[in-house]
Amino acid sequence: MKSNFKVFLKGIIDVSPLMIPVVPFGLIFGVLAIDIGFSPLETMGMSLIVFGGASQIVLLQLFSGGASSLVIISSVGAVNSRHLLYGAVVSEHLSDLKLIWKIIISYFLIDQAYAISNEYLKKNKDQNRYFHLVGAGATCWVIWQSTTLLGIILGAAIPEKLGLSFAVPLTFLALLVNDFRKFINLIVIIISGVVATLGYNYIPFKAYVIVAGLTGLLIAMILTKMVKTNE
């Protein structure tokens, strides 16, 4: 059986290539948060507590658009709800751990750490295999916090008149580029975008993001079932 440190180091090595796109994402978040009006302490606190890139960008988007606290909290919760599925999947590998370790691991269980460590957990049955997830998650944490901090420093140095708020939707477009290659994804993106655009002025409490997201999920479910039926 490998030592705890070797398994931990394996997690760091395996997840490192996935950290390349995280660096500019963290920088953008830090810069935009300052530009929108968050203090450095608030921005850093958000990264420490929420620790979820996509949901933090959603928070900035809604905050800059004047959404209510209820809508912001609901939207961030909806975006982060995928972590419930991550936890359910890896729980079978962590059933023997003490509660304190489960809490620590749940904090580090983000997209990249899950993608890398889930495969490792399935292929290895050693009792200390969960150190791989800790190593991967801790790496993600260090990269995200350090790039957020660097973004805060850069954001404080950028003049207000430049108005970098436009970079929030551009960031989301960059995340969606790969999804444009699939026809179903393209339809879902277009319909969700149309609903969000039309609902911006007509849906109360700035809840257009939630309505557009739910509409997209419904359309995706219908189209997926149609494709499976025709196969």
C-alpha atoms as a PDB file:
ATOM      1  CA  MET A   1       0.000   0.000   0.000  1.00  0.00           C
ATOM      2  CA  LYS A   2       1.288   3.467  -0.927  1.00  0.00           C
ATOM      3  CA  SER A   3       1.937   5.932   1.877  1.00  0.00           C
ATOM      4  CA  ASN A   4      -0.549   8.737   2.577  1.00  0.00           C
ATOM      5  CA  PHE A   5       1.903  11.306   1.217  1.00  0.00           C
ATOM      6  CA  LYS A   6       2.432   9.420  -2.062  1.00  0.00           C
ATOM      7  CA  VAL A   7      -1.319   9.143  -2.636  1.00  0.00           C
ATOM      8  CA  PHE A   8      -1.701  12.840  -1.753  1.00  0.00           C
ATOM      9  CA  LEU A   9       1.093  13.733  -4.189  1.00  0.00           C
ATOM     10  CA  LYS A  10      -0.522  11.573  -6.878  1.00  0.00           C
ATOM     11  CA  GLY A  11      -3.690  13.647  -6.540  1.00  0.00           C
ATOM     12  CA  ILE A  12      -1.689  16.851  -6.982  1.00  0.00           C
ATOM     13  CA  ILE A  13       0.072  15.538 -10.093  1.00  0.00           C
ATOM     14  CA  ASP A  14      -3.108  14.169 -11.687  1.00  0.00           C
ATOM     15  CA  VAL A  15      -5.144  17.358 -11.262  1.00  0.00           C
ATOM     16  CA  SER A  16      -2.377  19.831 -12.195  1.00  0.00           C
ATOM     17  CA  PRO A  17      -3.084  19.888 -15.979  1.00  0.00           C
ATOM     18  CA  LEU A  18      -6.678  20.877 -15.222  1.00  0.00           C
ATOM     19  CA  MET A  19      -5.461  23.929 -13.300  1.00  0.00           C
ATOM     20  CA  ILE A  20      -4.280  25.724 -16.453  1.00  0.00           C
ATOM     21  CA  PRO A  21      -7.725  27.160 -17.360  1.00  0.00           C
ATOM     22  CA  VAL A  22      -8.481  27.881 -13.692  1.00  0.00           C
ATOM     23  CA  VAL A  23      -5.737  30.521 -13.513  1.00  0.00           C
ATOM     24  CA  PRO A  24      -7.321  33.093 -15.888  1.00  0.00           C
ATOM     25  CA  PHE A  25     -10.767  32.271 -14.476  1.00  0.00           C
ATOM     26  CA  GLY A  26      -9.628  33.140 -10.947  1.00  0.00           C
ATOM     27  CA  LEU A  27      -7.905  36.302 -12.152  1.00  0.00           C
ATOM     28  CA  ILE A  28     -11.058  37.440 -13.949  1.00  0.00           C
ATOM     29  CA  PHE A  29     -13.169  36.806 -10.863  1.00  0.00           C
ATOM     30  CA  GLY A  30     -10.882  38.837  -8.607  1.00  0.00           C
ATOM     31  CA  VAL A  31     -10.670  41.742 -11.054  1.00  0.00           C
ATOM     32  CA  LEU A  32     -14.416  41.848 -11.736  1.00  0.00           C
ATOM     33  CA  ALA A  33     -15.417  41.604  -8.088  1.00  0.00           C
ATOM     34  CA  ILE A  34     -13.360  44.697  -7.305  1.00  0.00           C
ATOM     35  CA  ASP A  35     -14.643  46.484 -10.413  1.00  0.00           C
ATOM     36  CA  ILE A  36     -18.273  45.786  -9.474  1.00  0.00           C
ATOM     37  CA  GLY A  37     -17.808  47.165  -5.978  1.00  0.00           C
ATOM     38  CA  PHE A  38     -16.820  44.327  -3.641  1.00  0.00           C
ATOM     39  CA  SER A  39     -14.060  45.058  -1.153  1.00  0.00           C
ATOM     40  CA  PRO A  40     -10.882  42.940  -1.221  1.00  0.00           C
ATOM     41  CA  LEU A  41     -11.958  41.290   2.048  1.00  0.00           C
ATOM     42  CA  GLU A  42     -15.432  40.461   0.692  1.00  0.00           C
ATOM     43  CA  THR A  43     -13.975  39.100  -2.535  1.00  0.00           C
ATOM     44  CA  MET A  44     -11.440  36.915  -0.765  1.00  0.00           C
ATOM     45  CA  GLY A  45     -14.069  35.769   1.737  1.00  0.00           C
ATOM     46  CA  MET A  46     -16.346  34.690  -1.100  1.00  0.00           C
ATOM     47  CA  SER A  47     -13.634  32.519  -2.613  1.00  0.00           C
ATOM     48  CA  LEU A  48     -12.856  30.992   0.763  1.00  0.00           C
ATOM     49  CA  ILE A  49     -16.466  30.263   1.721  1.00  0.00           C
ATOM     50  CA  VAL A  50     -18.220  29.516  -1.586  1.00  0.00           C
ATOM     51  CA  PHE A  51     -15.157  28.086  -3.353  1.00  0.00           C
ATOM     52  CA  GLY A  52     -16.990  27.553  -6.640  1.00  0.00           C
ATOM     53  CA  GLY A  53     -15.858  29.410  -9.752  1.00  0.00           C
ATOM     54  CA  ALA A  54     -19.043  29.196 -11.825  1.00  0.00           C
ATOM     55  CA  SER A  55     -21.364  30.070  -8.936  1.00  0.00           C
ATOM     56  CA  GLN A  56     -19.163  33.006  -7.916  1.00  0.00           C
ATOM     57  CA  ILE A  57     -19.292  34.409 -11.461  1.00  0.00           C
ATOM     58  CA  VAL A  58     -23.088  33.948 -11.415  1.00  0.00           C
ATOM     59  CA  LEU A  59     -23.187  35.892  -8.155  1.00  0.00           C
ATOM     60  CA  LEU A  60     -21.249  38.765  -9.740  1.00  0.00           C
ATOM     61  CA  GLN A  61     -23.511  38.758 -12.798  1.00  0.00           C
ATOM     62  CA  LEU A  62     -26.700  38.926 -10.734  1.00  0.00           C
ATOM     63  CA  PHE A  63     -25.305  41.435  -8.257  1.00  0.00           C
ATOM     64  CA  SER A  64     -24.200  43.785 -11.025  1.00  0.00           C
ATOM     65  CA  GLY A  65     -27.666  43.420 -12.599  1.00  0.00           C
ATOM     66  CA  GLY A  66     -29.446  44.460  -9.395  1.00  0.00           C
ATOM     67  CA  ALA A  67     -30.974  41.076  -8.535  1.00  0.00           C
ATOM     68  CA  SER A  68     -32.483  40.535  -5.088  1.00  0.00           C
ATOM     69  CA  SER A  69     -30.659  38.593  -2.368  1.00  0.00           C
ATOM     70  CA  LEU A  70     -33.198  35.758  -2.649  1.00  0.00           C
ATOM     71  CA  VAL A  71     -32.578  35.330  -6.369  1.00  0.00           C
ATOM     72  CA  ILE A  72     -28.793  35.489  -5.911  1.00  0.00           C
ATOM     73  CA  ILE A  73     -28.800  32.879  -3.144  1.00  0.00           C
ATOM     74  CA  SER A  74     -31.185  30.619  -5.071  1.00  0.00           C
ATOM     75  CA  SER A  75     -29.146  30.852  -8.264  1.00  0.00           C
ATOM     76  CA  VAL A  76     -25.827  30.167  -6.535  1.00  0.00           C
ATOM     77  CA  GLY A  77     -27.431  27.224  -4.735  1.00  0.00           C
ATOM     78  CA  ALA A  78     -28.805  25.855  -8.007  1.00  0.00           C
ATOM     79  CA  VAL A  79     -25.415  26.102  -9.728  1.00  0.00           C
ATOM     80  CA  ASN A  80     -23.687  24.387  -6.802  1.00  0.00           C
ATOM     81  CA  SER A  81     -26.338  21.658  -6.477  1.00  0.00           C
ATOM     82  CA  ARG A  82     -24.251  19.418  -8.731  1.00  0.00           C
ATOM     83  CA  HIS A  83     -21.943  18.876  -5.760  1.00  0.00           C
ATOM     84  CA  LEU A  84     -24.727  16.859  -4.142  1.00  0.00           C
ATOM     85  CA  LEU A  85     -24.327  14.371  -6.982  1.00  0.00           C
ATOM     86  CA  TYR A  86     -20.546  14.377  -6.591  1.00  0.00           C
ATOM     87  CA  GLY A  87     -20.925  13.603  -2.900  1.00  0.00           C
ATOM     88  CA  ALA A  88     -23.400  10.814  -3.549  1.00  0.00           C
ATOM     89  CA  VAL A  89     -21.050   9.168  -6.073  1.00  0.00           C
ATOM     90  CA  VAL A  90     -17.899   9.232  -3.926  1.00  0.00           C
ATOM     91  CA  SER A  91     -19.698   8.435  -0.655  1.00  0.00           C
ATOM     92  CA  GLU A  92     -19.429   4.686  -1.302  1.00  0.00           C
ATOM     93  CA  HIS A  93     -15.637   5.025  -1.219  1.00  0.00           C
ATOM     94  CA  LEU A  94     -15.610   7.098   1.983  1.00  0.00           C
ATOM     95  CA  SER A  95     -18.108   5.242   4.170  1.00  0.00           C
ATOM     96  CA  ASP A  96     -15.438   4.139   6.668  1.00  0.00           C
ATOM     97  CA  LEU A  97     -14.083   7.636   7.304  1.00  0.00           C
ATOM     98  CA  LYS A  98     -14.715   9.704  10.402  1.00  0.00           C
ATOM     99  CA  LEU A  99     -17.124  12.650  10.122  1.00  0.00           C
ATOM    100  CA  ILE A 100     -14.345  15.234  10.315  1.00  0.00           C
ATOM    101  CA  TRP A 101     -12.636  13.750   7.245  1.00  0.00           C
ATOM    102  CA  LYS A 102     -15.918  13.641   5.343  1.00  0.00           C
ATOM    103  CA  ILE A 103     -16.445  17.338   6.073  1.00  0.00           C
ATOM    104  CA  ILE A 104     -12.916  18.212   4.920  1.00  0.00           C
ATOM    105  CA  ILE A 105     -13.270  16.189   1.727  1.00  0.00           C
ATOM    106  CA  SER A 106     -16.707  17.648   0.956  1.00  0.00           C
ATOM    107  CA  TYR A 107     -15.166  21.150   1.022  1.00  0.00           C
ATOM    108  CA  PHE A 108     -12.547  20.129  -1.551  1.00  0.00           C
ATOM    109  CA  LEU A 109     -14.967  18.197  -3.773  1.00  0.00           C
ATOM    110  CA  ILE A 110     -15.097  20.546  -6.746  1.00  0.00           C
ATOM    111  CA  ASP A 111     -15.390  19.741 -10.464  1.00  0.00           C
ATOM    112  CA  GLN A 112     -11.730  19.090 -11.292  1.00  0.00           C
ATOM    113  CA  ALA A 113     -10.988  17.158  -8.091  1.00  0.00           C
ATOM    114  CA  TYR A 114     -14.058  14.979  -8.605  1.00  0.00           C
ATOM    115  CA  ALA A 115     -13.262  14.272 -12.261  1.00  0.00           C
ATOM    116  CA  ILE A 116      -9.735  13.104 -11.432  1.00  0.00           C
ATOM    117  CA  SER A 117     -10.225  11.390  -8.074  1.00  0.00           C
ATOM    118  CA  ASN A 118     -13.432   9.519  -8.864  1.00  0.00           C
ATOM    119  CA  GLU A 119     -11.550   7.380 -11.382  1.00  0.00           C
ATOM    120  CA  TYR A 120      -8.723   6.817  -8.903  1.00  0.00           C
ATOM    121  CA  LEU A 121     -11.149   5.816  -6.141  1.00  0.00           C
ATOM    122  CA  LYS A 122     -12.837   3.287  -8.427  1.00  0.00           C
ATOM    123  CA  LYS A 123      -9.554   1.686  -9.495  1.00  0.00           C
ATOM    124  CA  ASN A 124      -7.844   1.590  -6.088  1.00  0.00           C
ATOM    125  CA  LYS A 125      -9.135  -0.100  -2.954  1.00  0.00           C
ATOM    126  CA  ASP A 126      -6.489   0.962  -0.439  1.00  0.00           C
ATOM    127  CA  GLN A 127      -7.882   2.445   2.768  1.00  0.00           C
ATOM    128  CA  ASN A 128      -5.932   5.667   2.315  1.00  0.00           C
ATOM    129  CA  ARG A 129      -7.102   6.253  -1.278  1.00  0.00           C
ATOM    130  CA  TYR A 130      -9.129   9.282  -0.189  1.00  0.00           C
ATOM    131  CA  PHE A 131      -5.840  11.197   0.204  1.00  0.00           C
ATOM    132  CA  HIS A 132      -5.856  11.420  -3.603  1.00  0.00           C
ATOM    133  CA  LEU A 133      -9.047  13.503  -3.415  1.00  0.00           C
ATOM    134  CA  VAL A 134      -7.570  15.648  -0.646  1.00  0.00           C
ATOM    135  CA  GLY A 135      -4.447  16.287  -2.742  1.00  0.00           C
ATOM    136  CA  ALA A 136      -6.421  17.144  -5.864  1.00  0.00           C
ATOM    137  CA  GLY A 137      -8.873  19.349  -3.974  1.00  0.00           C
ATOM    138  CA  ALA A 138      -6.166  21.146  -2.007  1.00  0.00           C
ATOM    139  CA  THR A 139      -4.363  21.933  -5.262  1.00  0.00           C
ATOM    140  CA  CYS A 140      -7.538  23.430  -6.713  1.00  0.00           C
ATOM    141  CA  TRP A 141      -8.000  25.443  -3.513  1.00  0.00           C
ATOM    142  CA  VAL A 142      -4.495  26.908  -3.562  1.00  0.00           C
ATOM    143  CA  ILE A 143      -4.705  27.852  -7.258  1.00  0.00           C
ATOM    144  CA  TRP A 144      -8.167  29.418  -6.907  1.00  0.00           C
ATOM    145  CA  GLN A 145      -7.351  31.429  -3.791  1.00  0.00           C
ATOM    146  CA  SER A 146      -3.991  32.662  -5.098  1.00  0.00           C
ATOM    147  CA  THR A 147      -5.407  33.712  -8.485  1.00  0.00           C
ATOM    148  CA  THR A 148      -8.345  35.419  -6.771  1.00  0.00           C
ATOM    149  CA  LEU A 149      -5.884  37.363  -4.620  1.00  0.00           C
ATOM    150  CA  LEU A 150      -3.817  38.310  -7.661  1.00  0.00           C
ATOM    151  CA  GLY A 151      -7.003  39.389  -9.437  1.00  0.00           C
ATOM    152  CA  ILE A 152      -7.911  41.580  -6.449  1.00  0.00           C
ATOM    153  CA  ILE A 153      -4.504  43.277  -6.645  1.00  0.00           C
ATOM    154  CA  LEU A 154      -4.857  43.808 -10.391  1.00  0.00           C
ATOM    155  CA  GLY A 155      -8.471  44.961 -10.026  1.00  0.00           C
ATOM    156  CA  ALA A 156      -7.509  47.604  -7.484  1.00  0.00           C
ATOM    157  CA  ALA A 157      -4.907  48.939  -9.928  1.00  0.00           C
ATOM    158  CA  ILE A 158      -7.267  49.187 -12.918  1.00  0.00           C
ATOM    159  CA  PRO A 159      -9.029  52.576 -13.325  1.00  0.00           C
ATOM    160  CA  GLU A 160     -12.818  52.497 -12.755  1.00  0.00           C
ATOM    161  CA  LYS A 161     -13.511  54.208 -16.086  1.00  0.00           C
ATOM    162  CA  LEU A 162     -12.433  51.065 -17.955  1.00  0.00           C
ATOM    163  CA  GLY A 163     -15.620  49.323 -16.739  1.00  0.00           C
ATOM    164  CA  LEU A 164     -14.729  45.632 -16.907  1.00  0.00           C
ATOM    165  CA  SER A 165     -18.247  44.375 -16.084  1.00  0.00           C
ATOM    166  CA  PHE A 166     -18.671  43.304 -19.705  1.00  0.00           C
ATOM    167  CA  ALA A 167     -16.140  40.519 -19.065  1.00  0.00           C
ATOM    168  CA  VAL A 168     -18.656  38.564 -16.950  1.00  0.00           C
ATOM    169  CA  PRO A 169     -20.852  37.462 -19.887  1.00  0.00           C
ATOM    170  CA  LEU A 170     -17.733  36.984 -22.008  1.00  0.00           C
ATOM    171  CA  THR A 171     -16.414  34.560 -19.400  1.00  0.00           C
ATOM    172  CA  PHE A 172     -19.613  32.523 -19.641  1.00  0.00           C
ATOM    173  CA  LEU A 173     -19.391  32.486 -23.437  1.00  0.00           C
ATOM    174  CA  ALA A 174     -15.866  31.092 -23.164  1.00  0.00           C
ATOM    175  CA  LEU A 175     -17.163  28.303 -20.924  1.00  0.00           C
ATOM    176  CA  LEU A 176     -19.869  27.455 -23.458  1.00  0.00           C
ATOM    177  CA  VAL A 177     -17.637  27.203 -26.543  1.00  0.00           C
ATOM    178  CA  ASN A 178     -17.219  23.419 -26.330  1.00  0.00           C
ATOM    179  CA  ASP A 179     -20.983  22.930 -25.968  1.00  0.00           C
ATOM    180  CA  PHE A 180     -21.603  24.595 -29.341  1.00  0.00           C
ATOM    181  CA  ARG A 181     -20.341  21.431 -31.049  1.00  0.00           C
ATOM    182  CA  LYS A 182     -23.408  19.371 -30.067  1.00  0.00           C
ATOM    183  CA  PHE A 183     -26.742  20.121 -31.720  1.00  0.00           C
ATOM    184  CA  ILE A 184     -28.842  19.444 -28.598  1.00  0.00           C
ATOM    185  CA  ASN A 185     -26.600  21.670 -26.495  1.00  0.00           C
ATOM    186  CA  LEU A 186     -26.878  24.423 -29.087  1.00  0.00           C
ATOM    187  CA  ILE A 187     -30.684  24.290 -29.011  1.00  0.00           C
ATOM    188  CA  VAL A 188     -30.726  24.378 -25.198  1.00  0.00           C
ATOM    189  CA  ILE A 189     -28.309  27.326 -25.135  1.00  0.00           C
ATOM    190  CA  ILE A 190     -30.337  29.307 -27.675  1.00  0.00           C
ATOM    191  CA  ILE A 191     -33.680  28.697 -25.941  1.00  0.00           C
ATOM    192  CA  SER A 192     -32.255  29.477 -22.496  1.00  0.00           C
ATOM    193  CA  GLY A 193     -30.690  32.642 -23.870  1.00  0.00           C
ATOM    194  CA  VAL A 194     -33.937  33.770 -25.461  1.00  0.00           C
ATOM    195  CA  VAL A 195     -35.900  33.138 -22.248  1.00  0.00           C
ATOM    196  CA  ALA A 196     -33.310  35.026 -20.186  1.00  0.00           C
ATOM    197  CA  THR A 197     -33.259  37.948 -22.638  1.00  0.00           C
ATOM    198  CA  LEU A 198     -37.050  38.255 -22.815  1.00  0.00           C
ATOM    199  CA  GLY A 199     -37.440  37.691 -19.095  1.00  0.00           C
ATOM    200  CA  TYR A 200     -34.869  40.304 -18.101  1.00  0.00           C
ATOM    201  CA  ASN A 201     -37.485  43.059 -18.173  1.00  0.00           C
ATOM    202  CA  TYR A 202     -40.622  41.046 -17.446  1.00  0.00           C
ATOM    203  CA  ILE A 203     -39.786  38.392 -14.833  1.00  0.00           C
ATOM    204  CA  PRO A 204     -40.019  39.894 -11.324  1.00  0.00           C
ATOM    205  CA  PHE A 205     -37.203  39.910  -8.736  1.00  0.00           C
ATOM    206  CA  LYS A 206     -34.598  39.455 -11.498  1.00  0.00           C
ATOM    207  CA  ALA A 207     -35.352  35.732 -11.456  1.00  0.00           C
ATOM    208  CA  TYR A 208     -34.784  35.401 -15.201  1.00  0.00           C
ATOM    209  CA  VAL A 209     -31.624  33.330 -14.610  1.00  0.00           C
ATOM    210  CA  ILE A 210     -33.520  30.705 -12.606  1.00  0.00           C
ATOM    211  CA  VAL A 211     -36.411  30.575 -15.100  1.00  0.00           C
ATOM    212  CA  ALA A 212     -34.017  30.328 -18.065  1.00  0.00           C
ATOM    213  CA  GLY A 213     -32.020  27.597 -16.322  1.00  0.00           C
ATOM    214  CA  LEU A 214     -35.100  25.534 -15.514  1.00  0.00           C
ATOM    215  CA  THR A 215     -36.377  25.986 -19.064  1.00  0.00           C
ATOM    216  CA  GLY A 216     -33.029  24.784 -20.407  1.00  0.00           C
ATOM    217  CA  LEU A 217     -33.106  21.699 -18.172  1.00  0.00           C
ATOM    218  CA  LEU A 218     -36.637  20.868 -19.322  1.00  0.00           C
ATOM    219  CA  ILE A 219     -35.740  21.239 -23.010  1.00  0.00           C
ATOM    220  CA  ALA A 220     -32.572  19.155 -22.527  1.00  0.00           C
ATOM    221  CA  MET A 221     -34.574  16.377 -20.860  1.00  0.00           C
ATOM    222  CA  ILE A 222     -37.185  16.336 -23.639  1.00  0.00           C
ATOM    223  CA  LEU A 223     -34.607  16.347 -26.460  1.00  0.00           C
ATOM    224  CA  THR A 224     -32.489  13.654 -24.793  1.00  0.00           C
ATOM    225  CA  LYS A 225     -35.524  11.372 -24.441  1.00  0.00           C
ATOM    226  CA  MET A 226     -36.479  12.001 -28.076  1.00  0.00           C
ATOM    227  CA  VAL A 227     -32.996  11.062 -29.272  1.00  0.00           C
ATOM    228  CA  LYS A 228     -32.943   7.856 -27.185  1.00  0.00           C
ATOM    229  CA  THR A 229     -36.404   6.904 -28.463  1.00  0.00           C
ATOM    230  CA  ASN A 230     -35.285   7.248 -32.090  1.00  0.00           C
ATOM    231  CA  GLU A 231     -32.107   5.201 -31.618  1.00  0.00           C
END
